[in-house]
Amino acid sequence: MFNLKQFIVIIFLLIMPQTSFSQLGFSHEVGVIVGPVQFRSDYGVRHDEGTNYGNSGFGIGLIHYINFAYRADCNCYSTDTYFNDHFKLRSEISYNKTKLDHHGQWAQGTSVNAAKLRAHTGEANNFDIGMQLEYFPLSIRSFQAFSYRFAPFISLGIHYTAYNPDSSSTLGDVLNENNIYSYWYEDDAFLPNVPLGEQREYPINLDGGSTWSLVTSVGVRYKLTPLSDLMLDMRWQYYGSDWIDGFNHQLESNKYNDWLLWLNFGYIYYLD
């Protein structure tokens, strides 16, 4: 279940460093990002091309940067330190959505179980808020002065994710075990980690919730004008839960929590 109190705390923790750095006079950048998402979950088959490309959605977000290389209060460069000239602090609010289907060999054929897989669909809906520290190997000052047009970067951060999954089946209620793939819940012989006859958690839970996620990315900026950049950013985000998609079966193939790849296209504007 979504935790409003925890969400308010996260907002407060994000605002605090922004306010502190603003008082120190560092400059700001704002932007928008959008792009395709590949959501890797328990739907489909791992490493299957149809799963990876079929379970794709989109993401959109608003971003804010603290630029340590430049001071807004005096319209001048800040103290020339390695940190100021190679790091930026990025805050983000974003949303991603992906429709999920079962692809791969087990969803093919004419068996009852194959039909149940094809009938079962889902949807991942995630709201993110968090921070990342971006590292630029090349000088940020030189980039702003047009010494070069491209500035590569890598980043690492933590996001707070509120998720609200959905699921349905053309055969009926997905919370009825008769309508889902039998090996997820009924056939103990296909669940080597579950003793025969042991009661186990139902593999579908559509209650919304929240968790932390690890975010890392690699990307590049292109200097468009003195006050604007274009950005290309490939993100990997790993969630602290396997229920982001509302689905968590216990077969051997389910080894990891849910995660995604997001290719961002962004536009960034310098405020000061």
Protein backbone atom coordinates (compact mmCIF):
# COMPACT_ATOMS: atom_id res chain seq x y z
CA MET A 1 0.00 0.00 0.00
CA PHE A 2 1.23 3.49 -0.85
CA ASN A 3 2.70 5.17 2.24
CA LEU A 4 1.76 8.89 2.22
CA LYS A 5 3.87 9.68 5.30
CA GLN A 6 6.95 8.12 3.73
CA PHE A 7 6.29 9.99 0.50
CA ILE A 8 6.17 13.33 2.36
CA VAL A 9 9.48 12.51 4.04
CA ILE A 10 11.05 11.81 0.64
CA ILE A 11 9.81 15.14 -0.72
CA PHE A 12 11.28 16.90 2.32
CA LEU A 13 14.64 15.16 1.90
CA LEU A 14 14.74 16.22 -1.75
CA ILE A 15 13.88 19.84 -1.01
CA MET A 16 16.43 20.24 1.80
CA PRO A 17 19.62 19.85 -0.30
CA GLN A 18 18.15 21.93 -3.13
CA THR A 19 17.44 24.78 -0.71
CA SER A 20 20.88 24.50 0.88
CA PHE A 21 22.71 24.58 -2.45
CA SER A 22 20.55 27.47 -3.65
CA GLN A 23 21.62 29.50 -0.63
CA LEU A 24 25.24 28.83 -1.61
CA GLY A 25 24.53 30.45 -4.98
CA PHE A 26 25.00 27.49 -7.30
CA SER A 27 23.13 27.71 -10.60
CA HIS A 28 20.16 25.62 -11.70
CA GLU A 29 19.05 23.69 -14.75
CA VAL A 30 15.61 22.26 -15.53
CA GLY A 31 14.51 19.86 -18.19
CA VAL A 32 12.12 17.24 -19.48
CA ILE A 33 12.84 13.62 -20.43
CA VAL A 34 10.83 11.12 -22.45
CA GLY A 35 11.53 7.79 -24.07
CA PRO A 36 10.81 4.06 -24.47
CA VAL A 37 10.98 1.65 -21.53
CA GLN A 38 11.66 -2.09 -21.50
CA PHE A 39 10.20 -3.51 -18.30
CA ARG A 40 11.79 -6.80 -17.23
CA SER A 41 9.39 -8.66 -14.96
CA ASP A 42 7.94 -12.13 -14.38
CA TYR A 43 5.86 -11.84 -17.54
CA GLY A 44 7.30 -13.75 -20.47
CA VAL A 45 10.63 -15.57 -20.66
CA ARG A 46 13.99 -14.14 -19.61
CA HIS A 47 16.40 -13.40 -22.51
CA ASP A 48 13.57 -13.88 -25.02
CA GLU A 49 13.55 -11.19 -27.73
CA GLY A 50 9.77 -11.24 -27.99
CA THR A 51 9.48 -10.63 -24.24
CA ASN A 52 12.05 -7.83 -24.18
CA TYR A 53 10.60 -5.91 -27.10
CA GLY A 54 6.98 -6.92 -26.60
CA ASN A 55 6.88 -5.74 -22.98
CA SER A 56 7.85 -2.18 -23.79
CA GLY A 57 6.22 1.04 -22.69
CA PHE A 58 7.11 4.68 -22.18
CA GLY A 59 8.38 7.03 -19.52
CA ILE A 60 8.27 10.78 -19.00
CA GLY A 61 9.77 13.01 -16.35
CA LEU A 62 10.82 16.43 -15.09
CA ILE A 63 14.42 16.93 -13.96
CA HIS A 64 16.34 19.58 -12.05
CA TYR A 65 20.11 20.02 -11.73
CA ILE A 66 22.38 21.79 -9.31
CA ASN A 67 25.34 23.05 -11.37
CA PHE A 68 28.32 23.47 -9.03
CA ALA A 69 30.57 24.98 -11.70
CA TYR A 70 28.70 28.27 -11.89
CA ARG A 71 27.34 30.71 -9.29
CA ALA A 72 24.04 32.43 -9.98
CA ASP A 73 24.46 35.05 -7.26
CA CYS A 74 27.49 36.69 -8.88
CA ASN A 75 27.18 35.51 -12.49
CA CYS A 76 30.64 33.96 -12.21
CA TYR A 77 32.37 30.60 -11.97
CA SER A 78 32.54 28.91 -8.58
CA THR A 79 35.74 27.84 -6.86
CA ASP A 80 37.75 25.73 -9.27
CA THR A 81 37.70 22.32 -7.61
CA TYR A 82 37.52 18.89 -9.22
CA PHE A 83 34.09 18.22 -7.72
CA ASN A 84 32.60 21.52 -8.91
CA ASP A 85 33.92 20.99 -12.43
CA HIS A 86 32.92 17.33 -12.85
CA PHE A 87 29.73 16.64 -10.85
CA LYS A 88 26.09 17.71 -10.96
CA LEU A 89 23.25 16.79 -8.62
CA ARG A 90 20.10 15.67 -10.40
CA SER A 91 16.59 15.51 -8.91
CA GLU A 92 13.75 13.88 -10.79
CA ILE A 93 10.03 13.24 -10.80
CA SER A 94 9.00 10.69 -13.41
CA TYR A 95 6.34 8.22 -14.47
CA ASN A 96 6.55 5.05 -16.57
CA LYS A 97 3.89 2.70 -17.86
CA THR A 98 4.24 -0.67 -19.61
CA LYS A 99 1.67 -3.14 -20.90
CA LEU A 100 2.80 -6.70 -20.12
CA ASP A 101 2.09 -9.96 -21.98
CA HIS A 102 3.47 -13.47 -21.95
CA HIS A 103 5.82 -14.23 -24.82
CA GLY A 104 8.11 -17.16 -25.57
CA GLN A 105 7.78 -20.91 -25.99
CA TRP A 106 5.46 -21.58 -23.04
CA ALA A 107 2.79 -19.25 -24.44
CA GLN A 108 2.78 -21.05 -27.77
CA GLY A 109 0.91 -24.17 -28.68
CA THR A 110 -2.60 -25.51 -28.13
CA SER A 111 -2.43 -26.69 -24.51
CA VAL A 112 -4.75 -25.35 -21.80
CA ASN A 113 -1.80 -23.78 -19.98
CA ALA A 114 -0.55 -22.05 -23.12
CA ALA A 115 -4.02 -20.58 -23.61
CA LYS A 116 -4.02 -19.35 -20.00
CA LEU A 117 -0.71 -17.58 -20.56
CA ARG A 118 -1.92 -15.86 -23.71
CA ALA A 119 -5.10 -14.79 -21.92
CA HIS A 120 -3.20 -13.21 -19.01
CA THR A 121 -2.04 -9.60 -19.37
CA GLY A 122 -0.80 -6.95 -16.99
CA GLU A 123 0.27 -3.37 -16.67
CA ALA A 124 3.04 -1.70 -14.66
CA ASN A 125 2.40 1.88 -13.52
CA ASN A 126 5.21 3.53 -11.55
CA PHE A 127 5.72 6.99 -10.12
CA ASP A 128 9.31 7.88 -9.21
CA ILE A 129 10.99 10.61 -7.22
CA GLY A 130 14.66 10.66 -6.36
CA MET A 131 18.19 11.97 -6.82
CA GLN A 132 21.29 10.97 -8.78
CA LEU A 133 24.86 12.23 -8.72
CA GLU A 134 26.18 12.66 -12.27
CA TYR A 135 29.87 12.50 -13.09
CA PHE A 136 31.28 14.22 -16.20
CA PRO A 137 34.82 13.04 -17.12
CA LEU A 138 35.34 16.20 -19.17
CA SER A 139 35.32 19.70 -17.70
CA ILE A 140 31.83 21.15 -17.19
CA ARG A 141 33.26 24.67 -17.51
CA SER A 142 34.86 23.88 -20.85
CA PHE A 143 31.63 22.32 -22.07
CA GLN A 144 29.65 25.43 -21.15
CA ALA A 145 32.25 27.54 -23.00
CA PHE A 146 31.76 25.45 -26.20
CA SER A 147 35.25 23.93 -26.05
CA TYR A 148 33.47 20.78 -27.18
CA ARG A 149 29.86 19.99 -28.06
CA PHE A 150 29.54 16.54 -26.46
CA ALA A 151 29.86 15.81 -22.73
CA PRO A 152 29.49 12.14 -21.67
CA PHE A 153 28.44 11.27 -18.13
CA ILE A 154 27.57 8.43 -15.78
CA SER A 155 25.26 8.60 -12.77
CA LEU A 156 24.21 6.72 -9.66
CA GLY A 157 21.32 7.37 -7.31
CA ILE A 158 18.37 6.20 -5.27
CA HIS A 159 14.69 6.65 -6.15
CA TYR A 160 11.51 6.15 -4.17
CA THR A 161 8.96 4.30 -6.30
CA ALA A 162 5.20 4.14 -5.81
CA TYR A 163 3.72 1.34 -7.92
CA ASN A 164 0.13 0.56 -8.89
CA PRO A 165 -0.04 -2.59 -11.05
CA ASP A 166 -3.01 -4.03 -12.93
CA SER A 167 -3.79 -7.46 -14.38
CA SER A 168 -6.60 -9.23 -16.17
CA SER A 169 -7.43 -12.39 -18.10
CA THR A 170 -9.93 -13.05 -20.84
CA LEU A 171 -10.73 -16.30 -18.99
CA GLY A 172 -11.98 -14.51 -15.89
CA ASP A 173 -10.77 -13.21 -12.54
CA VAL A 174 -6.96 -13.50 -12.21
CA LEU A 175 -7.39 -14.01 -8.46
CA ASN A 176 -9.12 -17.31 -9.24
CA GLU A 177 -6.43 -19.99 -9.51
CA ASN A 178 -8.42 -21.88 -12.14
CA ASN A 179 -7.79 -19.02 -14.59
CA ILE A 180 -4.00 -18.83 -14.29
CA TYR A 181 -1.09 -20.95 -15.48
CA SER A 182 -1.23 -24.06 -13.29
CA TYR A 183 2.52 -24.36 -12.68
CA TRP A 184 2.57 -20.99 -10.88
CA TYR A 185 0.40 -22.24 -8.06
CA GLU A 186 -0.94 -25.80 -8.25
CA ASP A 187 1.75 -28.16 -9.51
CA ASP A 188 4.36 -28.53 -6.76
CA ALA A 189 6.59 -30.74 -8.88
CA PHE A 190 7.51 -27.71 -11.01
CA LEU A 191 8.45 -25.63 -7.96
CA PRO A 192 11.72 -27.16 -6.69
CA ASN A 193 12.03 -24.66 -3.85
CA VAL A 194 8.55 -25.45 -2.50
CA PRO A 195 7.93 -28.77 -0.65
CA LEU A 196 5.05 -30.86 -1.93
CA GLY A 197 1.74 -29.88 -0.37
CA GLU A 198 3.03 -26.66 1.18
CA GLN A 199 0.72 -23.66 0.99
CA ARG A 200 2.43 -20.78 -0.78
CA GLU A 201 1.73 -17.18 -1.63
CA TYR A 202 -0.61 -16.57 -4.54
CA PRO A 203 1.46 -15.26 -7.48
CA ILE A 204 -0.77 -12.26 -8.27
CA ASN A 205 -1.24 -9.28 -5.95
CA LEU A 206 -2.67 -6.08 -7.39
CA ASP A 207 -2.36 -3.96 -4.25
CA GLY A 208 -0.32 -0.83 -4.86
CA GLY A 209 2.76 -0.20 -2.78
CA SER A 210 6.09 1.55 -2.57
CA THR A 211 9.75 0.62 -2.48
CA TRP A 212 13.25 1.97 -3.04
CA SER A 213 15.07 1.47 -6.31
CA LEU A 214 18.69 1.74 -7.44
CA VAL A 215 19.23 3.88 -10.53
CA THR A 216 22.33 4.10 -12.67
CA SER A 217 22.78 5.45 -16.17
CA VAL A 218 25.23 6.37 -18.89
CA GLY A 219 24.61 9.21 -21.28
CA VAL A 220 25.81 12.24 -23.17
CA ARG A 221 24.87 15.91 -23.47
CA TYR A 222 25.05 17.96 -26.63
CA LYS A 223 25.58 21.74 -26.30
CA LEU A 224 22.74 23.24 -28.32
CA THR A 225 22.98 26.90 -27.26
CA PRO A 226 24.74 28.74 -24.40
CA LEU A 227 21.65 28.12 -22.24
CA SER A 228 20.38 24.76 -23.48
CA ASP A 229 21.50 21.17 -23.99
CA LEU A 230 20.11 18.04 -25.56
CA MET A 231 20.59 14.80 -23.63
CA LEU A 232 20.61 11.08 -24.42
CA ASP A 233 20.57 8.79 -21.37
CA MET A 234 20.31 5.00 -20.99
CA ARG A 235 19.04 4.07 -17.53
CA TRP A 236 19.03 0.80 -15.59
CA GLN A 237 16.69 0.77 -12.60
CA TYR A 238 16.49 -2.14 -10.14
CA TYR A 239 13.55 -2.26 -7.73
CA GLY A 240 13.65 -3.45 -4.14
CA SER A 241 10.55 -5.58 -4.72
CA ASP A 242 9.35 -8.28 -7.13
CA TRP A 243 5.73 -7.08 -6.94
CA ILE A 244 6.12 -3.93 -9.09
CA ASP A 245 4.13 -5.63 -11.87
CA GLY A 246 1.67 -7.24 -9.43
CA PHE A 247 3.01 -10.67 -10.35
CA ASN A 248 5.58 -12.86 -8.55
CA HIS A 249 5.63 -16.57 -9.38
CA GLN A 250 7.99 -19.08 -7.75
CA LEU A 251 9.35 -20.92 -10.77
CA GLU A 252 13.14 -21.30 -11.08
CA SER A 253 13.24 -18.66 -13.82
CA ASN A 254 12.15 -16.01 -11.30
CA LYS A 255 15.57 -15.17 -9.85
CA TYR A 256 15.51 -11.36 -9.67
CA ASN A 257 13.30 -8.49 -8.62
CA ASP A 258 11.64 -6.41 -11.32
CA TRP A 259 13.85 -3.98 -13.24
CA LEU A 260 13.77 -1.81 -16.34
CA LEU A 261 15.80 -0.18 -19.08
CA TRP A 262 14.81 3.34 -20.11
CA LEU A 263 16.26 5.25 -23.06
CA ASN A 264 15.76 8.93 -22.28
CA PHE A 265 15.73 11.81 -24.73
CA GLY A 266 15.92 15.11 -22.89
CA TYR A 267 16.00 18.86 -23.25
CA ILE A 268 17.74 20.91 -20.52
CA TYR A 269 17.59 24.66 -19.99
CA TYR A 270 19.98 26.71 -17.83
CA LEU A 271 18.07 29.07 -15.54
CA ASP A 272 21.01 31.20 -14.45
